Amino acid sequence: MADVWDMKRAHAYRMIEGWRPAALVSPIGDTNEGQARELAPVLKEYGPEVTVTLYREVKELRGERRVTAADL
């Protein structure tokens, strides 16, 4: 895998796990891997509605500042 995609297996699995929460909260793709990693367990346990609501509420609290993984 590292030869073809220039990444290790663990990183590939993190990206696979993170794509769905990232796509849910930002269809235009302005979330990063850290944010997606924090949202993945929320999605798994509580579902898409709670995941999106959590992200939007945190984003509203942050105001103009960018939401970070630590915020989530």
PDB file of N, CA and C in Angstrom:
ATOM      1  N   MET A   1       0.818  -1.183   0.000  1.00  0.00           N
ATOM      2  CA  MET A   1       0.000   0.000   0.000  1.00  0.00           C
ATOM      3  C   MET A   1       0.869   1.256   0.000  1.00  0.00           C
ATOM      4  N   ALA A   2       1.914   1.263   0.777  1.00  0.00           N
ATOM      5  CA  ALA A   2       2.783   2.435   0.858  1.00  0.00           C
ATOM      6  C   ALA A   2       3.431   2.736  -0.492  1.00  0.00           C
ATOM      7  N   ASP A   3       3.691   1.699  -1.268  1.00  0.00           N
ATOM      8  CA  ASP A   3       4.307   1.901  -2.585  1.00  0.00           C
ATOM      9  C   ASP A   3       3.344   2.572  -3.566  1.00  0.00           C
ATOM     10  N   VAL A   4       2.092   2.180  -3.522  1.00  0.00           N
ATOM     11  CA  VAL A   4       1.113   2.677  -4.487  1.00  0.00           C
ATOM     12  C   VAL A   4       0.555   4.035  -4.076  1.00  0.00           C
ATOM     13  N   TRP A   5       0.159   4.184  -2.816  1.00  0.00           N
ATOM     14  CA  TRP A   5      -0.549   5.380  -2.369  1.00  0.00           C
ATOM     15  C   TRP A   5       0.311   6.343  -1.566  1.00  0.00           C
ATOM     16  N   ASP A   6       1.543   5.978  -1.300  1.00  0.00           N
ATOM     17  CA  ASP A   6       2.453   6.824  -0.535  1.00  0.00           C
ATOM     18  C   ASP A   6       1.917   7.150   0.863  1.00  0.00           C
ATOM     19  N   MET A   7       1.337   6.122   1.509  1.00  0.00           N
ATOM     20  CA  MET A   7       0.880   6.269   2.890  1.00  0.00           C
ATOM     21  C   MET A   7       0.864   4.898   3.546  1.00  0.00           C
ATOM     22  N   LYS A   8       0.944   4.909   4.846  1.00  0.00           N
ATOM     23  CA  LYS A   8       0.912   3.653   5.592  1.00  0.00           C
ATOM     24  C   LYS A   8      -0.537   3.189   5.755  1.00  0.00           C
ATOM     25  N   ARG A   9      -0.682   1.920   6.017  1.00  0.00           N
ATOM     26  CA  ARG A   9      -2.006   1.301   6.168  1.00  0.00           C
ATOM     27  C   ARG A   9      -2.838   1.995   7.250  1.00  0.00           C
ATOM     28  N   ALA A  10      -2.242   2.301   8.391  1.00  0.00           N
ATOM     29  CA  ALA A  10      -2.983   2.932   9.490  1.00  0.00           C
ATOM     30  C   ALA A  10      -3.543   4.287   9.067  1.00  0.00           C
ATOM     31  N   HIS A  11      -2.744   5.053   8.336  1.00  0.00           N
ATOM     32  CA  HIS A  11      -3.211   6.356   7.871  1.00  0.00           C
ATOM     33  C   HIS A  11      -4.366   6.199   6.877  1.00  0.00           C
ATOM     34  N   ALA A  12      -4.274   5.213   6.018  1.00  0.00           N
ATOM     35  CA  ALA A  12      -5.346   4.954   5.054  1.00  0.00           C
ATOM     36  C   ALA A  12      -6.647   4.612   5.781  1.00  0.00           C
ATOM     37  N   TYR A  13      -6.571   3.787   6.822  1.00  0.00           N
ATOM     38  CA  TYR A  13      -7.772   3.439   7.573  1.00  0.00           C
ATOM     39  C   TYR A  13      -8.351   4.647   8.311  1.00  0.00           C
ATOM     40  N   ARG A  14      -7.494   5.530   8.822  1.00  0.00           N
ATOM     41  CA  ARG A  14      -7.987   6.759   9.471  1.00  0.00           C
ATOM     42  C   ARG A  14      -8.725   7.628   8.465  1.00  0.00           C
ATOM     43  N   MET A  15      -8.199   7.712   7.268  1.00  0.00           N
ATOM     44  CA  MET A  15      -8.853   8.514   6.233  1.00  0.00           C
ATOM     45  C   MET A  15     -10.185   7.898   5.813  1.00  0.00           C
ATOM     46  N   ILE A  16     -10.221   6.598   5.695  1.00  0.00           N
ATOM     47  CA  ILE A  16     -11.466   5.907   5.340  1.00  0.00           C
ATOM     48  C   ILE A  16     -12.516   6.143   6.415  1.00  0.00           C
ATOM     49  N   GLU A  17     -12.117   6.034   7.678  1.00  0.00           N
ATOM     50  CA  GLU A  17     -13.050   6.234   8.780  1.00  0.00           C
ATOM     51  C   GLU A  17     -13.536   7.681   8.867  1.00  0.00           C
ATOM     52  N   GLY A  18     -12.695   8.610   8.478  1.00  0.00           N
ATOM     53  CA  GLY A  18     -13.024  10.014   8.633  1.00  0.00           C
ATOM     54  C   GLY A  18     -13.797  10.646   7.496  1.00  0.00           C
ATOM     55  N   TRP A  19     -13.884   9.988   6.348  1.00  0.00           N
ATOM     56  CA  TRP A  19     -14.529  10.641   5.206  1.00  0.00           C
ATOM     57  C   TRP A  19     -15.999  10.907   5.454  1.00  0.00           C
ATOM     58  N   ARG A  20     -16.725   9.984   6.084  1.00  0.00           N
ATOM     59  CA  ARG A  20     -18.171  10.164   6.250  1.00  0.00           C
ATOM     60  C   ARG A  20     -18.497  11.328   7.178  1.00  0.00           C
ATOM     61  N   PRO A  21     -17.909  11.401   8.383  1.00  0.00           N
ATOM     62  CA  PRO A  21     -18.234  12.568   9.212  1.00  0.00           C
ATOM     63  C   PRO A  21     -17.809  13.876   8.558  1.00  0.00           C
ATOM     64  N   ALA A  22     -16.700  13.870   7.859  1.00  0.00           N
ATOM     65  CA  ALA A  22     -16.247  15.089   7.186  1.00  0.00           C
ATOM     66  C   ALA A  22     -17.244  15.510   6.112  1.00  0.00           C
ATOM     67  N   ALA A  23     -17.740  14.558   5.344  1.00  0.00           N
ATOM     68  CA  ALA A  23     -18.708  14.865   4.292  1.00  0.00           C
ATOM     69  C   ALA A  23     -20.044  15.319   4.867  1.00  0.00           C
ATOM     70  N   LEU A  24     -20.425  14.773   6.007  1.00  0.00           N
ATOM     71  CA  LEU A  24     -21.688  15.171   6.633  1.00  0.00           C
ATOM     72  C   LEU A  24     -21.670  16.621   7.101  1.00  0.00           C
ATOM     73  N   VAL A  25     -20.596  17.008   7.756  1.00  0.00           N
ATOM     74  CA  VAL A  25     -20.569  18.354   8.345  1.00  0.00           C
ATOM     75  C   VAL A  25     -20.155  19.412   7.343  1.00  0.00           C
ATOM     76  N   SER A  26     -19.496  19.029   6.271  1.00  0.00           N
ATOM     77  CA  SER A  26     -19.072  20.012   5.287  1.00  0.00           C
ATOM     78  C   SER A  26     -18.960  19.385   3.901  1.00  0.00           C
ATOM     79  N   PRO A  27     -20.048  19.413   3.159  1.00  0.00           N
ATOM     80  CA  PRO A  27     -20.023  18.824   1.818  1.00  0.00           C
ATOM     81  C   PRO A  27     -19.013  19.479   0.873  1.00  0.00           C
ATOM     82  N   ILE A  28     -18.586  20.706   1.173  1.00  0.00           N
ATOM     83  CA  ILE A  28     -17.614  21.359   0.293  1.00  0.00           C
ATOM     84  C   ILE A  28     -16.178  21.007   0.654  1.00  0.00           C
ATOM     85  N   GLY A  29     -15.999  20.230   1.717  1.00  0.00           N
ATOM     86  CA  GLY A  29     -14.679  19.710   2.042  1.00  0.00           C
ATOM     87  C   GLY A  29     -13.750  20.633   2.792  1.00  0.00           C
ATOM     88  N   ASP A  30     -14.282  21.517   3.619  1.00  0.00           N
ATOM     89  CA  ASP A  30     -13.393  22.420   4.357  1.00  0.00           C
ATOM     90  C   ASP A  30     -13.095  21.934   5.776  1.00  0.00           C
ATOM     91  N   THR A  31     -13.321  20.644   6.040  1.00  0.00           N
ATOM     92  CA  THR A  31     -12.911  20.063   7.313  1.00  0.00           C
ATOM     93  C   THR A  31     -11.572  19.371   7.112  1.00  0.00           C
ATOM     94  N   ASN A  32     -10.885  19.118   8.222  1.00  0.00           N
ATOM     95  CA  ASN A  32      -9.600  18.436   8.097  1.00  0.00           C
ATOM     96  C   ASN A  32      -9.648  17.076   8.777  1.00  0.00           C
ATOM     97  N   GLU A  33      -8.581  16.344   8.656  1.00  0.00           N
ATOM     98  CA  GLU A  33      -8.527  14.983   9.187  1.00  0.00           C
ATOM     99  C   GLU A  33      -8.710  14.943  10.700  1.00  0.00           C
ATOM    100  N   GLY A  34      -8.143  15.907  11.406  1.00  0.00           N
ATOM    101  CA  GLY A  34      -8.282  15.951  12.858  1.00  0.00           C
ATOM    102  C   GLY A  34      -9.722  16.136  13.297  1.00  0.00           C
ATOM    103  N   GLN A  35     -10.433  17.011  12.618  1.00  0.00           N
ATOM    104  CA  GLN A  35     -11.843  17.230  12.930  1.00  0.00           C
ATOM    105  C   GLN A  35     -12.643  15.959  12.656  1.00  0.00           C
ATOM    106  N   ALA A  36     -12.390  15.351  11.523  1.00  0.00           N
ATOM    107  CA  ALA A  36     -13.097  14.127  11.155  1.00  0.00           C
ATOM    108  C   ALA A  36     -12.819  13.011  12.151  1.00  0.00           C
ATOM    109  N   ARG A  37     -11.591  12.915  12.614  1.00  0.00           N
ATOM    110  CA  ARG A  37     -11.221  11.888  13.583  1.00  0.00           C
ATOM    111  C   ARG A  37     -11.989  12.065  14.892  1.00  0.00           C
ATOM    112  N   GLU A  38     -12.190  13.309  15.311  1.00  0.00           N
ATOM    113  CA  GLU A  38     -12.946  13.574  16.537  1.00  0.00           C
ATOM    114  C   GLU A  38     -14.438  13.299  16.358  1.00  0.00           C
ATOM    115  N   LEU A  39     -14.947  13.494  15.160  1.00  0.00           N
ATOM    116  CA  LEU A  39     -16.374  13.296  14.906  1.00  0.00           C
ATOM    117  C   LEU A  39     -16.748  11.843  14.621  1.00  0.00           C
ATOM    118  N   ALA A  40     -15.796  11.025  14.205  1.00  0.00           N
ATOM    119  CA  ALA A  40     -16.085   9.633  13.830  1.00  0.00           C
ATOM    120  C   ALA A  40     -16.752   8.835  14.957  1.00  0.00           C
ATOM    121  N   PRO A  41     -16.264   8.903  16.211  1.00  0.00           N
ATOM    122  CA  PRO A  41     -16.942   8.151  17.268  1.00  0.00           C
ATOM    123  C   PRO A  41     -18.345   8.674  17.569  1.00  0.00           C
ATOM    124  N   VAL A  42     -18.549   9.980  17.408  1.00  0.00           N
ATOM    125  CA  VAL A  42     -19.880  10.553  17.613  1.00  0.00           C
ATOM    126  C   VAL A  42     -20.840   9.996  16.572  1.00  0.00           C
ATOM    127  N   LEU A  43     -20.398   9.967  15.326  1.00  0.00           N
ATOM    128  CA  LEU A  43     -21.221   9.421  14.255  1.00  0.00           C
ATOM    129  C   LEU A  43     -21.551   7.964  14.517  1.00  0.00           C
ATOM    130  N   LYS A  44     -20.564   7.210  14.916  1.00  0.00           N
ATOM    131  CA  LYS A  44     -20.754   5.772  15.147  1.00  0.00           C
ATOM    132  C   LYS A  44     -21.751   5.508  16.277  1.00  0.00           C
ATOM    133  N   GLU A  45     -21.650   6.289  17.348  1.00  0.00           N
ATOM    134  CA  GLU A  45     -22.500   6.033  18.513  1.00  0.00           C
ATOM    135  C   GLU A  45     -23.857   6.725  18.448  1.00  0.00           C
ATOM    136  N   TYR A  46     -23.914   7.932  17.892  1.00  0.00           N
ATOM    137  CA  TYR A  46     -25.144   8.722  17.966  1.00  0.00           C
ATOM    138  C   TYR A  46     -25.812   8.998  16.629  1.00  0.00           C
ATOM    139  N   GLY A  47     -25.117   8.769  15.534  1.00  0.00           N
ATOM    140  CA  GLY A  47     -25.717   8.945  14.216  1.00  0.00           C
ATOM    141  C   GLY A  47     -25.422  10.287  13.578  1.00  0.00           C
ATOM    142  N   PRO A  48     -25.875  10.438  12.326  1.00  0.00           N
ATOM    143  CA  PRO A  48     -25.538  11.624  11.548  1.00  0.00           C
ATOM    144  C   PRO A  48     -26.151  12.922  12.064  1.00  0.00           C
ATOM    145  N   GLU A  49     -27.374  12.889  12.545  1.00  0.00           N
ATOM    146  CA  GLU A  49     -28.020  14.124  13.007  1.00  0.00           C
ATOM    147  C   GLU A  49     -27.278  14.741  14.180  1.00  0.00           C
ATOM    148  N   VAL A  50     -26.889  13.927  15.136  1.00  0.00           N
ATOM    149  CA  VAL A  50     -26.164  14.429  16.307  1.00  0.00           C
ATOM    150  C   VAL A  50     -24.783  14.934  15.900  1.00  0.00           C
ATOM    151  N   THR A  51     -24.146  14.235  14.996  1.00  0.00           N
ATOM    152  CA  THR A  51     -22.817  14.641  14.526  1.00  0.00           C
ATOM    153  C   THR A  51     -22.867  16.023  13.893  1.00  0.00           C
ATOM    154  N   VAL A  52     -23.824  16.228  13.005  1.00  0.00           N
ATOM    155  CA  VAL A  52     -23.962  17.519  12.329  1.00  0.00           C
ATOM    156  C   VAL A  52     -24.343  18.607  13.329  1.00  0.00           C
ATOM    157  N   THR A  53     -25.257  18.291  14.239  1.00  0.00           N
ATOM    158  CA  THR A  53     -25.673  19.272  15.249  1.00  0.00           C
ATOM    159  C   THR A  53     -24.504  19.677  16.129  1.00  0.00           C
ATOM    160  N   LEU A  54     -23.718  18.722  16.568  1.00  0.00           N
ATOM    161  CA  LEU A  54     -22.547  19.016  17.388  1.00  0.00           C
ATOM    162  C   LEU A  54     -21.593  19.949  16.659  1.00  0.00           C
ATOM    163  N   TYR A  55     -21.284  19.620  15.422  1.00  0.00           N
ATOM    164  CA  TYR A  55     -20.351  20.440  14.653  1.00  0.00           C
ATOM    165  C   TYR A  55     -20.885  21.860  14.481  1.00  0.00           C
ATOM    166  N   ARG A  56     -22.147  21.982  14.131  1.00  0.00           N
ATOM    167  CA  ARG A  56     -22.732  23.310  13.920  1.00  0.00           C
ATOM    168  C   ARG A  56     -22.754  24.143  15.196  1.00  0.00           C
ATOM    169  N   GLU A  57     -23.056  23.508  16.319  1.00  0.00           N
ATOM    170  CA  GLU A  57     -23.077  24.239  17.591  1.00  0.00           C
ATOM    171  C   GLU A  57     -21.681  24.707  17.986  1.00  0.00           C
ATOM    172  N   VAL A  58     -20.696  23.850  17.805  1.00  0.00           N
ATOM    173  CA  VAL A  58     -19.320  24.245  18.107  1.00  0.00           C
ATOM    174  C   VAL A  58     -18.885  25.364  17.170  1.00  0.00           C
ATOM    175  N   LYS A  59     -19.252  25.247  15.917  1.00  0.00           N
ATOM    176  CA  LYS A  59     -18.895  26.285  14.942  1.00  0.00           C
ATOM    177  C   LYS A  59     -19.536  27.623  15.313  1.00  0.00           C
ATOM    178  N   GLU A  60     -20.769  27.580  15.765  1.00  0.00           N
ATOM    179  CA  GLU A  60     -21.458  28.807  16.180  1.00  0.00           C
ATOM    180  C   GLU A  60     -20.779  29.425  17.405  1.00  0.00           C
ATOM    181  N   LEU A  61     -20.367  28.605  18.348  1.00  0.00           N
ATOM    182  CA  LEU A  61     -19.677  29.103  19.542  1.00  0.00           C
ATOM    183  C   LEU A  61     -18.327  29.725  19.194  1.00  0.00           C
ATOM    184  N   ARG A  62     -17.665  29.187  18.180  1.00  0.00           N
ATOM    185  CA  ARG A  62     -16.348  29.698  17.776  1.00  0.00           C
ATOM    186  C   ARG A  62     -16.450  31.030  17.047  1.00  0.00           C
ATOM    187  N   GLY A  63     -17.611  31.335  16.515  1.00  0.00           N
ATOM    188  CA  GLY A  63     -17.772  32.590  15.791  1.00  0.00           C
ATOM    189  C   GLY A  63     -16.952  32.600  14.521  1.00  0.00           C
ATOM    190  N   GLU A  64     -16.130  33.608  14.380  1.00  0.00           N
ATOM    191  CA  GLU A  64     -15.309  33.760  13.170  1.00  0.00           C
ATOM    192  C   GLU A  64     -14.087  32.845  13.168  1.00  0.00           C
ATOM    193  N   ARG A  65     -13.708  32.334  14.330  1.00  0.00           N
ATOM    194  CA  ARG A  65     -12.513  31.483  14.414  1.00  0.00           C
ATOM    195  C   ARG A  65     -12.818  30.085  13.892  1.00  0.00           C
ATOM    196  N   ARG A  66     -11.830  29.483  13.281  1.00  0.00           N
ATOM    197  CA  ARG A  66     -11.969  28.140  12.699  1.00  0.00           C
ATOM    198  C   ARG A  66     -12.150  27.090  13.799  1.00  0.00           C
ATOM    199  N   VAL A  67     -13.015  26.125  13.559  1.00  0.00           N
ATOM    200  CA  VAL A  67     -13.223  25.002  14.474  1.00  0.00           C
ATOM    201  C   VAL A  67     -12.005  24.090  14.399  1.00  0.00           C
ATOM    202  N   THR A  68     -11.477  23.718  15.545  1.00  0.00           N
ATOM    203  CA  THR A  68     -10.329  22.821  15.576  1.00  0.00           C
ATOM    204  C   THR A  68     -10.760  21.462  16.119  1.00  0.00           C
ATOM    205  N   ALA A  69      -9.907  20.474  15.968  1.00  0.00           N
ATOM    206  CA  ALA A  69     -10.181  19.151  16.516  1.00  0.00           C
ATOM    207  C   ALA A  69     -10.309  19.236  18.031  1.00  0.00           C
ATOM    208  N   ALA A  70      -9.506  20.062  18.669  1.00  0.00           N
ATOM    209  CA  ALA A  70      -9.581  20.213  20.120  1.00  0.00           C
ATOM    210  C   ALA A  70     -10.927  20.786  20.559  1.00  0.00           C
ATOM    211  N   ASP A  71     -11.513  21.651  19.735  1.00  0.00           N
ATOM    212  CA  ASP A  71     -12.836  22.197  20.051  1.00  0.00           C
ATOM    213  C   ASP A  71     -13.893  21.103  20.082  1.00  0.00           C
ATOM    214  N   LEU A  72     -13.748  20.143  19.207  1.00  0.00           N
ATOM    215  CA  LEU A  72     -14.745  19.085  19.091  1.00  0.00           C
ATOM    216  C   LEU A  72     -14.564  18.057  20.187  1.00  0.00           C
TER     217      LEU A  72
END
